[in-house]
Each structure stands twice: as C-alpha cells, then as structure tokens.
C-alpha cells in the first residue's frame, strides 16, 4: 500500500484541481459528515499523461482536459506511477474554515497542506485522507440564508458551504470582485486500476 502513497497524493492534488473545474466528468454520491451535514463524494476517473519525476510534476487527463500536478516530497517517490495509468478519485469537499482578503490583482490559485486527523471527516471510511486547501479566488457573492459562498477560482465558478458564524460574518464584508483566500478542508481517496 505504501508504494501507492506518492500516486495517491499526486492524483489527489489533481482531484482538487479537477474538482474546481467545470469540464471534467464527475459523478457524486451524498454522505452525512459529522458537524457538517450532507456533502457530496465526487468521483472521477483520470489518466496519467506524463510524469516529470525530477521536478515532481504529473500531468493527468480526462476527456481531453489536462491538469499539471506538483507533488510535494512529503508524499514519497513517483517510481511506481506510469504513463497511461488509470486512476479513480473520490473526493469530499469540506466547509470553509477561514476567509481573508487578498491583494487587488492577485491571480487565482490553489495551495495544499497535509493535515492530521480531522474532526470534520471523522465518519468517513479510514481510507480517506484529509488535507487543507486554500483557494485564491474572485469573490462573487455570499448567501447568508443558505450559507453558500460563490467564487471564481483557478478553474472557473464554484460554490462552497460555510457553517462557522465568524466566517459568515467576515464574508458579508466582501464585495463582488474582491480577491479572497478561502481555506477549507477536504478528504480524498484514490484507487489505481
């Protein structure tokens, strides 16, 4: 199992990118997460297109759309990963845990951080791994009644649920077009075919 950790993380990062995209084919299933409520487990299948092991970069593809994935060293080597490998990715997006303004003119982007056990995802199967994601995105709107913030990130328009009252209060201060950093936790699981 440990030989697939590098692959799991590499493709999970791709899943995060793909999860932000509006183009890939994604199927989903609803599950209940403790403290959050119903969330979707998104599932997609990608193919490894190329691997640059010295630079720790992997390109994956689905339906003609490609993503470049930078794999941090903490996730192990990529020696067992091959071009053409097919990988299933299951991903659960959590809720926003922090929001802060970014500078005017900032470009949309994604930063991933490995995290330990997360109380947000206690009741998911143990195969799921949690990580923290910070998106730099253009703020569109916040619907206080539903707790949903809409934004335009690196791969187009998306929305995410906010449950923390302090984060909701901060979101109400932003105007459409403001650049913000949205931090949330997500969980993922990878299956090599």
C-alpha atoms as a PDB file:
ATOM      1  CA  UNK A   1       0.000   0.000   0.000  1.00  0.00           C
ATOM      2  CA  UNK A   2       2.846   2.414   0.822  1.00  0.00           C
ATOM      3  CA  UNK A   3       4.174   2.220  -2.745  1.00  0.00           C
ATOM      4  CA  UNK A   4       0.984   3.911  -3.904  1.00  0.00           C
ATOM      5  CA  UNK A   5       1.154   6.823  -1.428  1.00  0.00           C
ATOM      6  CA  UNK A   6       3.018   9.054  -3.903  1.00  0.00           C
ATOM      7  CA  UNK A   7       0.470   8.186  -6.564  1.00  0.00           C
ATOM      8  CA  UNK A   8      -2.410   8.731  -4.182  1.00  0.00           C
ATOM      9  CA  UNK A   9      -1.244  12.191  -3.246  1.00  0.00           C
ATOM     10  CA  UNK A  10      -0.281  13.185  -6.780  1.00  0.00           C
ATOM     11  CA  UNK A  11      -3.640  12.266  -8.128  1.00  0.00           C
ATOM     12  CA  UNK A  12      -5.458  13.709  -5.115  1.00  0.00           C
ATOM     13  CA  UNK A  13      -3.936  17.064  -5.947  1.00  0.00           C
ATOM     14  CA  UNK A  14      -5.173  16.563  -9.471  1.00  0.00           C
ATOM     15  CA  UNK A  15      -8.565  15.777  -7.991  1.00  0.00           C
ATOM     16  CA  UNK A  16      -8.528  19.079  -6.191  1.00  0.00           C
ATOM     17  CA  UNK A  17      -7.785  20.822  -9.455  1.00  0.00           C
ATOM     18  CA  UNK A  18     -10.334  18.758 -11.291  1.00  0.00           C
ATOM     19  CA  UNK A  19     -12.847  19.354  -8.515  1.00  0.00           C
ATOM     20  CA  UNK A  20     -12.513  23.079  -9.177  1.00  0.00           C
ATOM     21  CA  UNK A  21     -13.037  22.616 -12.914  1.00  0.00           C
ATOM     22  CA  UNK A  22     -16.397  22.758 -14.587  1.00  0.00           C
ATOM     23  CA  UNK A  23     -15.385  20.496 -17.505  1.00  0.00           C
ATOM     24  CA  UNK A  24     -14.435  17.011 -16.261  1.00  0.00           C
ATOM     25  CA  UNK A  25     -16.965  14.242 -15.949  1.00  0.00           C
ATOM     26  CA  UNK A  26     -17.712  13.902 -12.250  1.00  0.00           C
ATOM     27  CA  UNK A  27     -20.259  11.639 -10.588  1.00  0.00           C
ATOM     28  CA  UNK A  28     -21.301  12.106  -6.988  1.00  0.00           C
ATOM     29  CA  UNK A  29     -22.971  10.482  -4.009  1.00  0.00           C
ATOM     30  CA  UNK A  30     -24.292  12.220  -0.888  1.00  0.00           C
ATOM     31  CA  UNK A  31     -22.972  11.240   2.569  1.00  0.00           C
ATOM     32  CA  UNK A  32     -23.504  12.721   6.026  1.00  0.00           C
ATOM     33  CA  UNK A  33     -20.378  14.218   7.637  1.00  0.00           C
ATOM     34  CA  UNK A  34     -20.434  14.817  11.397  1.00  0.00           C
ATOM     35  CA  UNK A  35     -20.738  18.522  12.197  1.00  0.00           C
ATOM     36  CA  UNK A  36     -21.279  19.442   8.542  1.00  0.00           C
ATOM     37  CA  UNK A  37     -24.342  17.536   7.346  1.00  0.00           C
ATOM     38  CA  UNK A  38     -24.902  16.173   3.843  1.00  0.00           C
ATOM     39  CA  UNK A  39     -21.924  16.509   1.484  1.00  0.00           C
ATOM     40  CA  UNK A  40     -21.144  15.074  -1.910  1.00  0.00           C
ATOM     41  CA  UNK A  41     -18.459  12.467  -2.587  1.00  0.00           C
ATOM     42  CA  UNK A  42     -17.311  13.409  -6.079  1.00  0.00           C
ATOM     43  CA  UNK A  43     -15.880  10.612  -8.198  1.00  0.00           C
ATOM     44  CA  UNK A  44     -13.877  10.975 -11.366  1.00  0.00           C
ATOM     45  CA  UNK A  45     -11.519   8.859 -13.419  1.00  0.00           C
ATOM     46  CA  UNK A  46      -8.305  10.352 -14.829  1.00  0.00           C
ATOM     47  CA  UNK A  47      -5.438   9.007 -16.913  1.00  0.00           C
ATOM     48  CA  UNK A  48      -1.779   9.775 -16.236  1.00  0.00           C
ATOM     49  CA  UNK A  49      -0.390  11.521 -19.329  1.00  0.00           C
ATOM     50  CA  UNK A  50       3.177  12.314 -18.307  1.00  0.00           C
ATOM     51  CA  UNK A  51       5.464  12.211 -15.288  1.00  0.00           C
ATOM     52  CA  UNK A  52       8.424  14.522 -14.645  1.00  0.00           C
ATOM     53  CA  UNK A  53       9.948  12.707 -11.659  1.00  0.00           C
ATOM     54  CA  UNK A  54      12.935  15.078 -11.079  1.00  0.00           C
ATOM     55  CA  UNK A  55      10.571  18.078 -10.859  1.00  0.00           C
ATOM     56  CA  UNK A  56       7.807  16.031  -9.170  1.00  0.00           C
ATOM     57  CA  UNK A  57       5.191  17.057 -11.748  1.00  0.00           C
ATOM     58  CA  UNK A  58       2.436  14.794 -13.072  1.00  0.00           C
ATOM     59  CA  UNK A  59       0.026  15.638 -15.866  1.00  0.00           C
ATOM     60  CA  UNK A  60      -3.370  13.911 -15.774  1.00  0.00           C
ATOM     61  CA  UNK A  61      -6.212  13.988 -18.280  1.00  0.00           C
ATOM     62  CA  UNK A  62      -9.910  13.364 -18.566  1.00  0.00           C
ATOM     63  CA  UNK A  63     -11.991  13.869 -21.702  1.00  0.00           C
ATOM     64  CA  UNK A  64      -9.270  15.956 -23.344  1.00  0.00           C
ATOM     65  CA  UNK A  65      -8.753  18.289 -20.366  1.00  0.00           C
ATOM     66  CA  UNK A  66      -5.345  18.156 -18.697  1.00  0.00           C
ATOM     67  CA  UNK A  67      -4.045  19.298 -15.288  1.00  0.00           C
ATOM     68  CA  UNK A  68      -0.456  19.731 -14.142  1.00  0.00           C
ATOM     69  CA  UNK A  69       0.072  18.433 -10.620  1.00  0.00           C
ATOM     70  CA  UNK A  70       3.030  19.441  -8.418  1.00  0.00           C
ATOM     71  CA  UNK A  71       3.711  16.658  -5.905  1.00  0.00           C
ATOM     72  CA  UNK A  72       5.465  17.728  -2.667  1.00  0.00           C
ATOM     73  CA  UNK A  73       8.329  15.452  -1.462  1.00  0.00           C
ATOM     74  CA  UNK A  74       6.437  14.553   1.715  1.00  0.00           C
ATOM     75  CA  UNK A  75       4.257  12.254  -0.390  1.00  0.00           C
ATOM     76  CA  UNK A  76       7.041   9.875  -1.412  1.00  0.00           C
ATOM     77  CA  UNK A  77       8.532   8.982  -4.777  1.00  0.00           C
ATOM     78  CA  UNK A  78       6.684   8.504  -8.041  1.00  0.00           C
ATOM     79  CA  UNK A  79       8.593   5.440  -9.259  1.00  0.00           C
ATOM     80  CA  UNK A  80       5.547   3.147  -9.412  1.00  0.00           C
ATOM     81  CA  UNK A  81       3.446   5.598 -11.407  1.00  0.00           C
ATOM     82  CA  UNK A  82       3.341   5.014 -15.176  1.00  0.00           C
ATOM     83  CA  UNK A  83       2.021   6.950 -18.173  1.00  0.00           C
ATOM     84  CA  UNK A  84      -1.370   5.623 -19.158  1.00  0.00           C
ATOM     85  CA  UNK A  85      -2.291   4.511 -15.618  1.00  0.00           C
ATOM     86  CA  UNK A  86      -5.990   4.926 -14.952  1.00  0.00           C
ATOM     87  CA  UNK A  87      -6.925   6.268 -11.541  1.00  0.00           C
ATOM     88  CA  UNK A  88     -10.283   6.666  -9.781  1.00  0.00           C
ATOM     89  CA  UNK A  89     -10.500   9.587  -7.385  1.00  0.00           C
ATOM     90  CA  UNK A  90     -13.113  10.042  -4.659  1.00  0.00           C
ATOM     91  CA  UNK A  91     -13.154  13.496  -3.068  1.00  0.00           C
ATOM     92  CA  UNK A  92     -15.225  15.082  -0.306  1.00  0.00           C
ATOM     93  CA  UNK A  93     -15.097  18.859  -0.124  1.00  0.00           C
ATOM     94  CA  UNK A  94     -15.479  20.202   3.379  1.00  0.00           C
ATOM     95  CA  UNK A  95     -16.660  23.576   4.552  1.00  0.00           C
ATOM     96  CA  UNK A  96     -14.876  26.906   4.598  1.00  0.00           C
ATOM     97  CA  UNK A  97     -12.913  27.278   7.830  1.00  0.00           C
ATOM     98  CA  UNK A  98     -11.304  30.678   7.125  1.00  0.00           C
ATOM     99  CA  UNK A  99     -11.571  33.622   4.740  1.00  0.00           C
ATOM    100  CA  UNK A 100      -9.295  36.607   4.391  1.00  0.00           C
ATOM    101  CA  UNK A 101      -8.753  39.320   1.794  1.00  0.00           C
ATOM    102  CA  UNK A 102      -6.003  39.006  -0.776  1.00  0.00           C
ATOM    103  CA  UNK A 103      -4.327  41.860  -2.634  1.00  0.00           C
ATOM    104  CA  UNK A 104      -6.039  43.507  -5.572  1.00  0.00           C
ATOM    105  CA  UNK A 105      -4.869  41.941  -8.833  1.00  0.00           C
ATOM    106  CA  UNK A 106      -3.912  38.616  -7.218  1.00  0.00           C
ATOM    107  CA  UNK A 107      -4.226  35.641  -9.554  1.00  0.00           C
ATOM    108  CA  UNK A 108      -6.466  32.689  -8.683  1.00  0.00           C
ATOM    109  CA  UNK A 109      -4.505  29.751  -7.280  1.00  0.00           C
ATOM    110  CA  UNK A 110      -4.579  26.663  -5.055  1.00  0.00           C
ATOM    111  CA  UNK A 111      -2.330  25.748  -2.114  1.00  0.00           C
ATOM    112  CA  UNK A 112      -2.491  22.309  -0.459  1.00  0.00           C
ATOM    113  CA  UNK A 113      -1.330  21.392   3.035  1.00  0.00           C
ATOM    114  CA  UNK A 114      -1.299  17.901   4.523  1.00  0.00           C
ATOM    115  CA  UNK A 115      -3.175  17.760   7.834  1.00  0.00           C
ATOM    116  CA  UNK A 116      -3.520  15.144  10.542  1.00  0.00           C
ATOM    117  CA  UNK A 117      -6.735  13.568  11.690  1.00  0.00           C
ATOM    118  CA  UNK A 118      -9.591  15.958  11.061  1.00  0.00           C
ATOM    119  CA  UNK A 119     -12.714  16.101  13.177  1.00  0.00           C
ATOM    120  CA  UNK A 120     -14.572  17.365  10.116  1.00  0.00           C
ATOM    121  CA  UNK A 121     -14.254  13.958   8.454  1.00  0.00           C
ATOM    122  CA  UNK A 122     -14.432  11.554  11.422  1.00  0.00           C
ATOM    123  CA  UNK A 123     -17.139   9.352   9.999  1.00  0.00           C
ATOM    124  CA  UNK A 124     -15.670   8.779   6.513  1.00  0.00           C
ATOM    125  CA  UNK A 125     -14.002   5.434   5.803  1.00  0.00           C
ATOM    126  CA  UNK A 126     -10.410   5.325   7.081  1.00  0.00           C
ATOM    127  CA  UNK A 127      -9.064   5.140   3.526  1.00  0.00           C
ATOM    128  CA  UNK A 128      -9.895   8.821   3.062  1.00  0.00           C
ATOM    129  CA  UNK A 129      -7.039  11.251   3.726  1.00  0.00           C
ATOM    130  CA  UNK A 130      -7.715  14.846   4.830  1.00  0.00           C
ATOM    131  CA  UNK A 131      -5.878  17.927   3.622  1.00  0.00           C
ATOM    132  CA  UNK A 132      -6.257  21.676   3.878  1.00  0.00           C
ATOM    133  CA  UNK A 133      -6.843  23.697   0.723  1.00  0.00           C
ATOM    134  CA  UNK A 134      -6.529  27.462   0.318  1.00  0.00           C
ATOM    135  CA  UNK A 135      -8.041  28.932  -2.831  1.00  0.00           C
ATOM    136  CA  UNK A 136      -7.223  32.413  -4.047  1.00  0.00           C
ATOM    137  CA  UNK A 137     -10.368  33.395  -5.902  1.00  0.00           C
ATOM    138  CA  UNK A 138     -12.575  36.270  -7.012  1.00  0.00           C
ATOM    139  CA  UNK A 139     -15.482  36.700  -4.604  1.00  0.00           C
ATOM    140  CA  UNK A 140     -18.889  36.662  -6.319  1.00  0.00           C
ATOM    141  CA  UNK A 141     -21.494  36.569  -3.536  1.00  0.00           C
ATOM    142  CA  UNK A 142     -22.427  35.118  -0.180  1.00  0.00           C
ATOM    143  CA  UNK A 143     -25.953  33.887   0.538  1.00  0.00           C
ATOM    144  CA  UNK A 144     -26.289  34.168   4.332  1.00  0.00           C
ATOM    145  CA  UNK A 145     -29.588  32.254   4.343  1.00  0.00           C
ATOM    146  CA  UNK A 146     -28.127  29.119   2.731  1.00  0.00           C
ATOM    147  CA  UNK A 147     -24.544  29.630   3.961  1.00  0.00           C
ATOM    148  CA  UNK A 148     -23.147  29.269   0.435  1.00  0.00           C
ATOM    149  CA  UNK A 149     -20.301  31.431  -0.888  1.00  0.00           C
ATOM    150  CA  UNK A 150     -19.834  31.675  -4.660  1.00  0.00           C
ATOM    151  CA  UNK A 151     -16.469  32.491  -6.209  1.00  0.00           C
ATOM    152  CA  UNK A 152     -14.446  32.225  -9.412  1.00  0.00           C
ATOM    153  CA  UNK A 153     -11.296  30.210  -8.766  1.00  0.00           C
ATOM    154  CA  UNK A 154      -8.454  28.908 -10.906  1.00  0.00           C
ATOM    155  CA  UNK A 155     -10.804  26.691 -12.932  1.00  0.00           C
ATOM    156  CA  UNK A 156     -13.979  28.714 -13.090  1.00  0.00           C
ATOM    157  CA  UNK A 157     -17.060  29.418 -10.971  1.00  0.00           C
ATOM    158  CA  UNK A 158     -17.727  27.268  -7.908  1.00  0.00           C
ATOM    159  CA  UNK A 159     -19.508  27.475  -4.569  1.00  0.00           C
ATOM    160  CA  UNK A 160     -18.914  26.024  -1.119  1.00  0.00           C
ATOM    161  CA  UNK A 161     -20.823  25.826   2.166  1.00  0.00           C
ATOM    162  CA  UNK A 162     -19.964  27.964   5.192  1.00  0.00           C
ATOM    163  CA  UNK A 163     -21.179  26.946   8.667  1.00  0.00           C
ATOM    164  CA  UNK A 164     -18.872  28.870  11.011  1.00  0.00           C
ATOM    165  CA  UNK A 165     -20.666  32.064  12.209  1.00  0.00           C
ATOM    166  CA  UNK A 166     -17.388  34.032  12.373  1.00  0.00           C
ATOM    167  CA  UNK A 167     -16.537  33.138   8.750  1.00  0.00           C
ATOM    168  CA  UNK A 168     -20.102  34.045   7.678  1.00  0.00           C
ATOM    169  CA  UNK A 169     -19.727  37.455   9.327  1.00  0.00           C
ATOM    170  CA  UNK A 170     -16.425  38.101   7.512  1.00  0.00           C
ATOM    171  CA  UNK A 171     -17.882  37.032   4.160  1.00  0.00           C
ATOM    172  CA  UNK A 172     -20.650  39.629   4.436  1.00  0.00           C
ATOM    173  CA  UNK A 173     -17.995  42.383   4.310  1.00  0.00           C
ATOM    174  CA  UNK A 174     -16.682  41.450   0.851  1.00  0.00           C
ATOM    175  CA  UNK A 175     -17.883  42.976  -2.412  1.00  0.00           C
ATOM    176  CA  UNK A 176     -18.238  41.246  -5.746  1.00  0.00           C
ATOM    177  CA  UNK A 177     -14.853  41.197  -7.495  1.00  0.00           C
ATOM    178  CA  UNK A 178     -12.751  41.269  -4.307  1.00  0.00           C
ATOM    179  CA  UNK A 179      -9.863  38.779  -4.301  1.00  0.00           C
ATOM    180  CA  UNK A 180     -10.064  36.470  -1.288  1.00  0.00           C
ATOM    181  CA  UNK A 181      -8.316  33.442   0.186  1.00  0.00           C
ATOM    182  CA  UNK A 182     -10.843  30.730   1.114  1.00  0.00           C
ATOM    183  CA  UNK A 183      -9.444  27.956   3.307  1.00  0.00           C
ATOM    184  CA  UNK A 184     -11.274  24.667   3.729  1.00  0.00           C
ATOM    185  CA  UNK A 185     -10.619  21.030   4.445  1.00  0.00           C
ATOM    186  CA  UNK A 186     -11.348  18.178   2.096  1.00  0.00           C
ATOM    187  CA  UNK A 187     -10.865  14.421   2.099  1.00  0.00           C
ATOM    188  CA  UNK A 188      -9.900  12.151  -0.785  1.00  0.00           C
ATOM    189  CA  UNK A 189      -9.316   8.527  -1.706  1.00  0.00           C
ATOM    190  CA  UNK A 190      -7.548   7.151  -4.796  1.00  0.00           C
ATOM    191  CA  UNK A 191      -7.946   3.762  -6.472  1.00  0.00           C
ATOM    192  CA  UNK A 192      -5.355   2.619  -9.014  1.00  0.00           C
ATOM    193  CA  UNK A 193      -6.932   0.398 -11.693  1.00  0.00           C
END
